[in-house]
Structure formats: structure tokens, C-alpha cells
Amino acid sequence: MINTGIWIDRHKAHIISIEDESEIKQTIIESDVEDFNVKGGSRSKTTWGSQDKVSERTYLERRKLQLKNYFHKIMDNINYSDAIAIYGPAYTKIHFKEEIKKNNKTIFEKIRIVKTEDSMTDNQFKALVKSFSNSINRI
């Protein structure tokens, strides 16, 4: 049985797969999601002149597409798993779970835990995934 733990945020995802108490694969996937800072927009030099505006919609749609591509890269790396635990510090883990639910029902059925975990070292994350793996194997 292959158990997989994913620690995910907007910038990167750490994936560790464990089979029979030994680590078989560790992957880090970098995202292409840009931090958007709205720039631009200006005022006319004439009094009561028109203003240029910057549409946030374009930035938000681009970010949404970038997140979707990032999530699909991660899904391609966890197809082989039997049980999945998703960890992360913010809402990205929840958005990832929702994307899996919409696009890949077989992976969605394998999700056992979605839990908030703040930043961790590699060793702390490995220990967390091993404890998850041990608890799944006992059931």
C-alpha cells in the first residue's frame, strides 16, 4: 500500500510517498503562480480628465489558471497512491481538494486527511507522513 503526504502552498508542493515503512519517492513541484501587484492606472494631466484603470479581473483569471495548472501537475504525481494526506498553511490545500473533487474522482476517494500545518522542516514532514502511514495501515 502506497501512502502519500502532500504539503502544499501557493509556491511549491512537497510530495512524499511511503510504502511498507520506507520512503519510496520524494518530489518537489514548483508553481508558476505569480504574486499579483496591481500597477498602472494614471490620471490625466487636465483638470477633471479621464482616468486609466487597471482591471483586477485579468490578474485574478490568470492566477486561477496558473493554480489549476499547478494542481494538475501535482495530481499527475499522485495517481499511483492508495491513501493521501494533504497538509498546508492556508487555503491552497482546500482549493486543491476542490479541484481534485471536480476533475478526478478516483484520487478524491483516496484522500484521508486535509489538515492545517504551518511551515515544517523536511524531517518533520517525513515524520508526519510516516505517522499518517502507520495509522492507515492499522485500520
C-alpha atoms as a PDB file:
ATOM      1  CA  MET A   1       0.000   0.000   0.000  1.00  0.00           C
ATOM      2  CA  ILE A   2       1.436   3.355  -1.044  1.00  0.00           C
ATOM      3  CA  ASN A   3       0.565   6.277   1.237  1.00  0.00           C
ATOM      4  CA  THR A   4       1.293   9.797   0.085  1.00  0.00           C
ATOM      5  CA  GLY A   5       1.601  13.044   2.006  1.00  0.00           C
ATOM      6  CA  ILE A   6       1.433  16.421   0.301  1.00  0.00           C
ATOM      7  CA  TRP A   7       2.464  19.688   1.923  1.00  0.00           C
ATOM      8  CA  ILE A   8       1.162  22.432  -0.345  1.00  0.00           C
ATOM      9  CA  ASP A   9       1.156  26.186  -0.556  1.00  0.00           C
ATOM     10  CA  ARG A  10       0.991  28.619  -3.491  1.00  0.00           C
ATOM     11  CA  HIS A  11       4.716  28.431  -4.207  1.00  0.00           C
ATOM     12  CA  LYS A  12       5.566  24.726  -4.034  1.00  0.00           C
ATOM     13  CA  ALA A  13       4.342  21.295  -3.079  1.00  0.00           C
ATOM     14  CA  HIS A  14       6.353  18.636  -1.259  1.00  0.00           C
ATOM     15  CA  ILE A  15       5.183  15.101  -2.008  1.00  0.00           C
ATOM     16  CA  ILE A  16       6.416  12.092  -0.046  1.00  0.00           C
ATOM     17  CA  SER A  17       5.264   8.554  -0.780  1.00  0.00           C
ATOM     18  CA  ILE A  18       5.786   5.728   1.701  1.00  0.00           C
ATOM     19  CA  GLU A  19       5.371   2.005   1.167  1.00  0.00           C
ATOM     20  CA  ASP A  20       5.952  -0.531   3.941  1.00  0.00           C
ATOM     21  CA  GLU A  21       7.646   1.916   6.330  1.00  0.00           C
ATOM     22  CA  SER A  22      10.202   3.042   3.758  1.00  0.00           C
ATOM     23  CA  GLU A  23      10.220   6.209   1.686  1.00  0.00           C
ATOM     24  CA  ILE A  24       9.971   5.397  -1.997  1.00  0.00           C
ATOM     25  CA  LYS A  25       9.673   8.814  -3.597  1.00  0.00           C
ATOM     26  CA  GLN A  26      10.092  12.449  -2.694  1.00  0.00           C
ATOM     27  CA  THR A  27       9.110  15.155  -5.158  1.00  0.00           C
ATOM     28  CA  ILE A  28       9.051  18.935  -5.019  1.00  0.00           C
ATOM     29  CA  ILE A  29       6.850  20.719  -7.544  1.00  0.00           C
ATOM     30  CA  GLU A  30       7.363  24.444  -8.015  1.00  0.00           C
ATOM     31  CA  SER A  31       4.353  26.509  -9.015  1.00  0.00           C
ATOM     32  CA  ASP A  32       4.228  29.197 -11.668  1.00  0.00           C
ATOM     33  CA  VAL A  33       1.694  31.229  -9.703  1.00  0.00           C
ATOM     34  CA  GLU A  34       2.590  34.904  -9.732  1.00  0.00           C
ATOM     35  CA  ASP A  35       2.019  37.217  -6.813  1.00  0.00           C
ATOM     36  CA  PHE A  36      -0.034  39.935  -8.364  1.00  0.00           C
ATOM     37  CA  ASN A  37       0.572  43.556  -7.551  1.00  0.00           C
ATOM     38  CA  VAL A  38      -1.715  45.866  -9.408  1.00  0.00           C
ATOM     39  CA  LYS A  39       0.342  48.501 -11.159  1.00  0.00           C
ATOM     40  CA  GLY A  40      -0.650  51.173 -13.534  1.00  0.00           C
ATOM     41  CA  GLY A  41      -3.560  53.467 -13.805  1.00  0.00           C
ATOM     42  CA  SER A  42      -2.957  57.144 -14.183  1.00  0.00           C
ATOM     43  CA  ARG A  43      -4.706  60.446 -14.041  1.00  0.00           C
ATOM     44  CA  SER A  44      -4.998  62.821 -16.943  1.00  0.00           C
ATOM     45  CA  LYS A  45      -2.958  65.963 -16.789  1.00  0.00           C
ATOM     46  CA  THR A  46      -6.043  68.068 -17.454  1.00  0.00           C
ATOM     47  CA  THR A  47      -8.429  69.014 -14.705  1.00  0.00           C
ATOM     48  CA  TRP A  48     -11.343  66.585 -14.444  1.00  0.00           C
ATOM     49  CA  GLY A  49      -9.776  64.446 -17.170  1.00  0.00           C
ATOM     50  CA  SER A  50     -10.305  60.751 -17.565  1.00  0.00           C
ATOM     51  CA  GLN A  51      -8.502  58.095 -15.551  1.00  0.00           C
ATOM     52  CA  ASP A  52      -6.920  54.894 -16.763  1.00  0.00           C
ATOM     53  CA  LYS A  53      -8.000  51.980 -14.658  1.00  0.00           C
ATOM     54  CA  VAL A  54      -6.403  48.624 -14.062  1.00  0.00           C
ATOM     55  CA  SER A  55      -8.683  45.623 -14.152  1.00  0.00           C
ATOM     56  CA  GLU A  56      -8.092  43.140 -11.361  1.00  0.00           C
ATOM     57  CA  ARG A  57     -10.175  40.619 -13.238  1.00  0.00           C
ATOM     58  CA  THR A  58      -7.353  39.913 -15.702  1.00  0.00           C
ATOM     59  CA  TYR A  59      -4.897  39.252 -12.873  1.00  0.00           C
ATOM     60  CA  LEU A  60      -7.328  37.059 -10.961  1.00  0.00           C
ATOM     61  CA  GLU A  61      -8.223  34.978 -14.019  1.00  0.00           C
ATOM     62  CA  ARG A  62      -4.545  34.461 -14.840  1.00  0.00           C
ATOM     63  CA  ARG A  63      -3.851  33.402 -11.256  1.00  0.00           C
ATOM     64  CA  LYS A  64      -6.803  30.998 -11.321  1.00  0.00           C
ATOM     65  CA  LEU A  65      -5.467  29.372 -14.484  1.00  0.00           C
ATOM     66  CA  GLN A  66      -1.953  29.149 -13.030  1.00  0.00           C
ATOM     67  CA  LEU A  67      -3.292  27.472  -9.872  1.00  0.00           C
ATOM     68  CA  LYS A  68      -5.291  25.000 -11.955  1.00  0.00           C
ATOM     69  CA  ASN A  69      -2.192  24.027 -13.960  1.00  0.00           C
ATOM     70  CA  TYR A  70      -0.195  23.696 -10.724  1.00  0.00           C
ATOM     71  CA  PHE A  71      -2.830  21.419  -9.189  1.00  0.00           C
ATOM     72  CA  HIS A  72      -2.894  19.212 -12.289  1.00  0.00           C
ATOM     73  CA  LYS A  73       0.907  18.804 -12.122  1.00  0.00           C
ATOM     74  CA  ILE A  74       0.516  17.562  -8.554  1.00  0.00           C
ATOM     75  CA  MET A  75      -2.340  15.215  -9.488  1.00  0.00           C
ATOM     76  CA  ASP A  76      -0.152  13.645 -12.184  1.00  0.00           C
ATOM     77  CA  ASN A  77       2.375  12.757  -9.460  1.00  0.00           C
ATOM     78  CA  ILE A  78      -0.088  11.089  -7.061  1.00  0.00           C
ATOM     79  CA  ASN A  79      -2.102   8.802  -9.358  1.00  0.00           C
ATOM     80  CA  TYR A  80      -0.390   5.688  -8.006  1.00  0.00           C
ATOM     81  CA  SER A  81      -1.230   6.361  -4.329  1.00  0.00           C
ATOM     82  CA  ASP A  82      -3.630   4.302  -2.231  1.00  0.00           C
ATOM     83  CA  ALA A  83      -4.150   6.878   0.554  1.00  0.00           C
ATOM     84  CA  ILE A  84      -3.466  10.607   0.505  1.00  0.00           C
ATOM     85  CA  ALA A  85      -2.970  13.198   3.243  1.00  0.00           C
ATOM     86  CA  ILE A  86      -2.932  16.894   2.332  1.00  0.00           C
ATOM     87  CA  TYR A  87      -1.267  19.425   4.618  1.00  0.00           C
ATOM     88  CA  GLY A  88      -0.617  23.132   4.264  1.00  0.00           C
ATOM     89  CA  PRO A  89      -0.669  26.508   5.984  1.00  0.00           C
ATOM     90  CA  ALA A  90      -3.501  28.310   4.177  1.00  0.00           C
ATOM     91  CA  TYR A  91      -6.434  27.838   1.801  1.00  0.00           C
ATOM     92  CA  THR A  92      -4.408  26.352  -1.056  1.00  0.00           C
ATOM     93  CA  LYS A  93      -4.895  22.839   0.345  1.00  0.00           C
ATOM     94  CA  ILE A  94      -8.665  23.337   0.337  1.00  0.00           C
ATOM     95  CA  HIS A  95      -8.659  24.695  -3.219  1.00  0.00           C
ATOM     96  CA  PHE A  96      -6.515  21.714  -4.232  1.00  0.00           C
ATOM     97  CA  LYS A  97      -9.010  19.293  -2.684  1.00  0.00           C
ATOM     98  CA  GLU A  98     -11.891  21.022  -4.508  1.00  0.00           C
ATOM     99  CA  GLU A  99     -10.016  20.820  -7.823  1.00  0.00           C
ATOM    100  CA  ILE A 100      -9.451  17.100  -7.284  1.00  0.00           C
ATOM    101  CA  LYS A 101     -13.134  16.643  -6.474  1.00  0.00           C
ATOM    102  CA  LYS A 102     -14.137  18.364  -9.739  1.00  0.00           C
ATOM    103  CA  ASN A 103     -11.629  16.675 -12.039  1.00  0.00           C
ATOM    104  CA  ASN A 104     -10.501  13.329 -10.639  1.00  0.00           C
ATOM    105  CA  LYS A 105     -12.979  11.293  -8.583  1.00  0.00           C
ATOM    106  CA  THR A 106     -10.603   8.325  -8.192  1.00  0.00           C
ATOM    107  CA  ILE A 107      -7.953  10.452  -6.471  1.00  0.00           C
ATOM    108  CA  PHE A 108     -10.614  12.254  -4.419  1.00  0.00           C
ATOM    109  CA  GLU A 109     -11.791   8.946  -2.933  1.00  0.00           C
ATOM    110  CA  LYS A 110      -8.235   8.263  -1.711  1.00  0.00           C
ATOM    111  CA  ILE A 111      -7.971  11.468   0.367  1.00  0.00           C
ATOM    112  CA  ARG A 112      -7.984  10.602   4.075  1.00  0.00           C
ATOM    113  CA  ILE A 113      -6.853  13.843   5.762  1.00  0.00           C
ATOM    114  CA  VAL A 114      -6.838  17.545   4.911  1.00  0.00           C
ATOM    115  CA  LYS A 115      -5.137  19.285   7.795  1.00  0.00           C
ATOM    116  CA  THR A 116      -3.631  22.694   8.557  1.00  0.00           C
ATOM    117  CA  GLU A 117       0.093  22.502   9.267  1.00  0.00           C
ATOM    118  CA  ASP A 118       2.373  25.501   9.310  1.00  0.00           C
ATOM    119  CA  SER A 119       5.889  25.527   7.883  1.00  0.00           C
ATOM    120  CA  MET A 120       7.872  22.398   8.683  1.00  0.00           C
ATOM    121  CA  THR A 121      11.342  21.058   8.058  1.00  0.00           C
ATOM    122  CA  ASP A 122      11.762  18.097   5.712  1.00  0.00           C
ATOM    123  CA  ASN A 123      12.326  15.758   8.668  1.00  0.00           C
ATOM    124  CA  GLN A 124       9.193  16.956  10.458  1.00  0.00           C
ATOM    125  CA  PHE A 125       7.150  16.433   7.296  1.00  0.00           C
ATOM    126  CA  LYS A 126       8.585  12.925   6.779  1.00  0.00           C
ATOM    127  CA  ALA A 127       7.691  12.040  10.370  1.00  0.00           C
ATOM    128  CA  LEU A 128       4.166  13.398   9.891  1.00  0.00           C
ATOM    129  CA  VAL A 129       3.652  11.335   6.734  1.00  0.00           C
ATOM    130  CA  LYS A 130       5.074   8.203   8.409  1.00  0.00           C
ATOM    131  CA  SER A 131       2.675   8.619  11.338  1.00  0.00           C
ATOM    132  CA  PHE A 132      -0.193   9.031   8.864  1.00  0.00           C
ATOM    133  CA  SER A 133       1.010   5.916   7.037  1.00  0.00           C
ATOM    134  CA  ASN A 134       1.184   3.920  10.269  1.00  0.00           C
ATOM    135  CA  SER A 135      -2.338   4.954  11.303  1.00  0.00           C
ATOM    136  CA  ILE A 136      -3.759   3.970   7.875  1.00  0.00           C
ATOM    137  CA  ASN A 137      -2.012   0.595   7.948  1.00  0.00           C
ATOM    138  CA  ARG A 138      -3.516  -0.267  11.343  1.00  0.00           C
ATOM    139  CA  ILE A 139      -7.098   0.216  10.149  1.00  0.00           C
END
